[in-house]
Amino acid sequence: MESHDPRVVFGEGVRRLREARNLTQSELAERSELVNWKYIGTVENARTNITLTNVVKIAGGLGISVAELMDACFPADDRRNELLTRLLDLVSEGDEKTVQLLLGMLDQVDKWSKG
């Protein structure tokens, strides 16, 4: 059953993004300038109500903007959520050849969308 608790949804999104970048919780905490790596676990497992300050830090640690983090965690529709989840799964589980193939496909989509 899918949760609608924003802490759960946000935590799952952070975990997907972290894993897609092949980062441990400790590495993300360090990149985010958070004192304790265990905090990332509390966020991912919805055991804390994260502050805006720490949302900004985690976005920075992931190398994305806060808007991109929120969009990845709370996509506008189910199809987009499915796309993001599948892409993140492919990237986190895939080998370098898979990643390169996906990047090439995204380049082609980008060219197509710009006309």
Protein backbone atom coordinates (compact mmCIF):
# COMPACT_ATOMS: atom_id res chain seq x y z
CA MET A 1 0.00 0.00 0.00
CA GLU A 2 1.36 3.37 -1.03
CA SER A 3 1.85 5.94 1.71
CA HIS A 4 0.66 9.52 1.43
CA ASP A 5 2.66 10.64 4.47
CA PRO A 6 5.00 13.31 3.07
CA ARG A 7 7.80 12.13 5.38
CA VAL A 8 7.60 8.64 3.87
CA VAL A 9 7.38 9.90 0.28
CA PHE A 10 10.26 12.33 0.79
CA GLY A 11 12.42 9.70 2.50
CA GLU A 12 11.83 7.20 -0.30
CA GLY A 13 12.74 9.88 -2.83
CA VAL A 14 15.96 10.76 -1.03
CA ARG A 15 16.89 7.06 -0.86
CA ARG A 16 16.24 6.59 -4.62
CA LEU A 17 18.31 9.65 -5.49
CA ARG A 18 21.14 8.65 -3.14
CA GLU A 19 21.25 5.10 -4.48
CA ALA A 20 21.13 6.32 -8.09
CA ARG A 21 24.32 8.24 -7.34
CA ASN A 22 25.87 5.18 -5.66
CA LEU A 23 26.28 7.07 -2.39
CA THR A 24 26.19 5.60 1.07
CA GLN A 25 24.25 7.37 3.79
CA SER A 26 27.59 8.42 5.26
CA GLU A 27 28.79 9.88 1.95
CA LEU A 28 25.56 11.81 1.48
CA ALA A 29 25.74 13.15 5.03
CA GLU A 30 29.30 14.33 4.42
CA ARG A 31 28.44 15.96 1.09
CA SER A 32 25.40 17.57 2.74
CA GLU A 33 27.50 18.93 5.61
CA LEU A 34 25.36 17.10 8.13
CA VAL A 35 27.08 16.11 11.35
CA ASN A 36 25.75 12.58 11.70
CA TRP A 37 25.28 10.02 8.93
CA LYS A 38 22.51 8.38 10.95
CA TYR A 39 20.36 11.43 10.23
CA ILE A 40 20.10 10.39 6.57
CA GLY A 41 18.65 7.06 7.75
CA THR A 42 16.08 8.82 9.90
CA VAL A 43 15.03 10.91 6.90
CA GLU A 44 14.87 7.92 4.54
CA ASN A 45 12.86 5.90 7.06
CA ALA A 46 10.49 8.79 7.92
CA ARG A 47 11.55 8.88 11.56
CA THR A 48 12.07 12.63 11.56
CA ASN A 49 10.27 15.71 10.37
CA ILE A 50 13.07 17.27 8.34
CA THR A 51 13.76 20.99 8.56
CA LEU A 52 13.95 23.25 5.53
CA THR A 53 17.62 23.91 6.33
CA ASN A 54 18.37 20.20 6.06
CA VAL A 55 16.30 19.84 2.87
CA VAL A 56 18.56 22.49 1.32
CA LYS A 57 21.67 20.69 2.61
CA ILE A 58 20.55 17.31 1.26
CA ALA A 59 19.71 18.79 -2.14
CA GLY A 60 23.21 20.29 -2.23
CA GLY A 61 24.72 16.96 -1.19
CA LEU A 62 22.89 15.28 -4.07
CA GLY A 63 24.09 17.98 -6.46
CA ILE A 64 20.61 19.19 -7.36
CA SER A 65 18.41 22.17 -6.56
CA VAL A 66 15.72 22.05 -3.89
CA ALA A 67 13.14 22.31 -6.68
CA GLU A 68 14.63 19.26 -8.41
CA LEU A 69 14.67 17.35 -5.13
CA MET A 70 11.02 18.16 -4.45
CA ASP A 71 10.05 17.33 -8.02
CA ALA A 72 11.82 13.97 -7.80
CA CYS A 73 10.18 13.15 -4.45
CA PHE A 74 6.73 14.52 -5.28
CA PRO A 75 6.22 14.16 -9.05
CA ALA A 76 3.19 15.82 -10.58
CA ASP A 77 1.55 12.61 -11.80
CA ASP A 78 1.76 8.82 -11.62
CA ARG A 79 3.25 8.38 -15.10
CA ARG A 80 6.03 10.79 -14.30
CA ASN A 81 6.62 9.05 -10.98
CA GLU A 82 6.86 5.70 -12.78
CA LEU A 83 9.34 7.16 -15.29
CA LEU A 84 11.54 8.65 -12.56
CA THR A 85 11.46 5.46 -10.52
CA ARG A 86 12.35 3.26 -13.49
CA LEU A 87 15.15 5.57 -14.64
CA LEU A 88 16.61 5.72 -11.14
CA ASP A 89 16.38 1.93 -10.84
CA LEU A 90 18.16 1.45 -14.18
CA VAL A 91 20.90 3.89 -13.24
CA SER A 92 21.45 2.50 -9.76
CA GLU A 93 21.42 -1.14 -10.87
CA GLY A 94 22.87 -0.75 -14.35
CA ASP A 95 26.39 -1.04 -15.54
CA GLU A 96 28.29 1.75 -17.30
CA LYS A 97 26.97 0.63 -20.70
CA THR A 98 23.38 1.06 -19.50
CA VAL A 99 24.14 4.51 -18.09
CA GLN A 100 25.79 5.59 -21.35
CA LEU A 101 22.84 4.28 -23.37
CA LEU A 102 20.37 6.21 -21.20
CA LEU A 103 22.42 9.39 -21.46
CA GLY A 104 22.48 9.04 -25.25
CA MET A 105 18.73 8.56 -25.32
CA LEU A 106 18.22 11.63 -23.13
CA ASP A 107 20.45 13.68 -25.44
CA GLN A 108 18.29 12.64 -28.39
CA VAL A 109 15.08 13.51 -26.54
CA ASP A 110 16.57 16.89 -25.61
CA LYS A 111 17.47 17.61 -29.26
CA TRP A 112 14.01 16.51 -30.41
CA SER A 113 12.21 18.66 -27.84
CA LYS A 114 14.19 21.75 -28.85
CA GLY A 115 13.14 21.25 -32.45
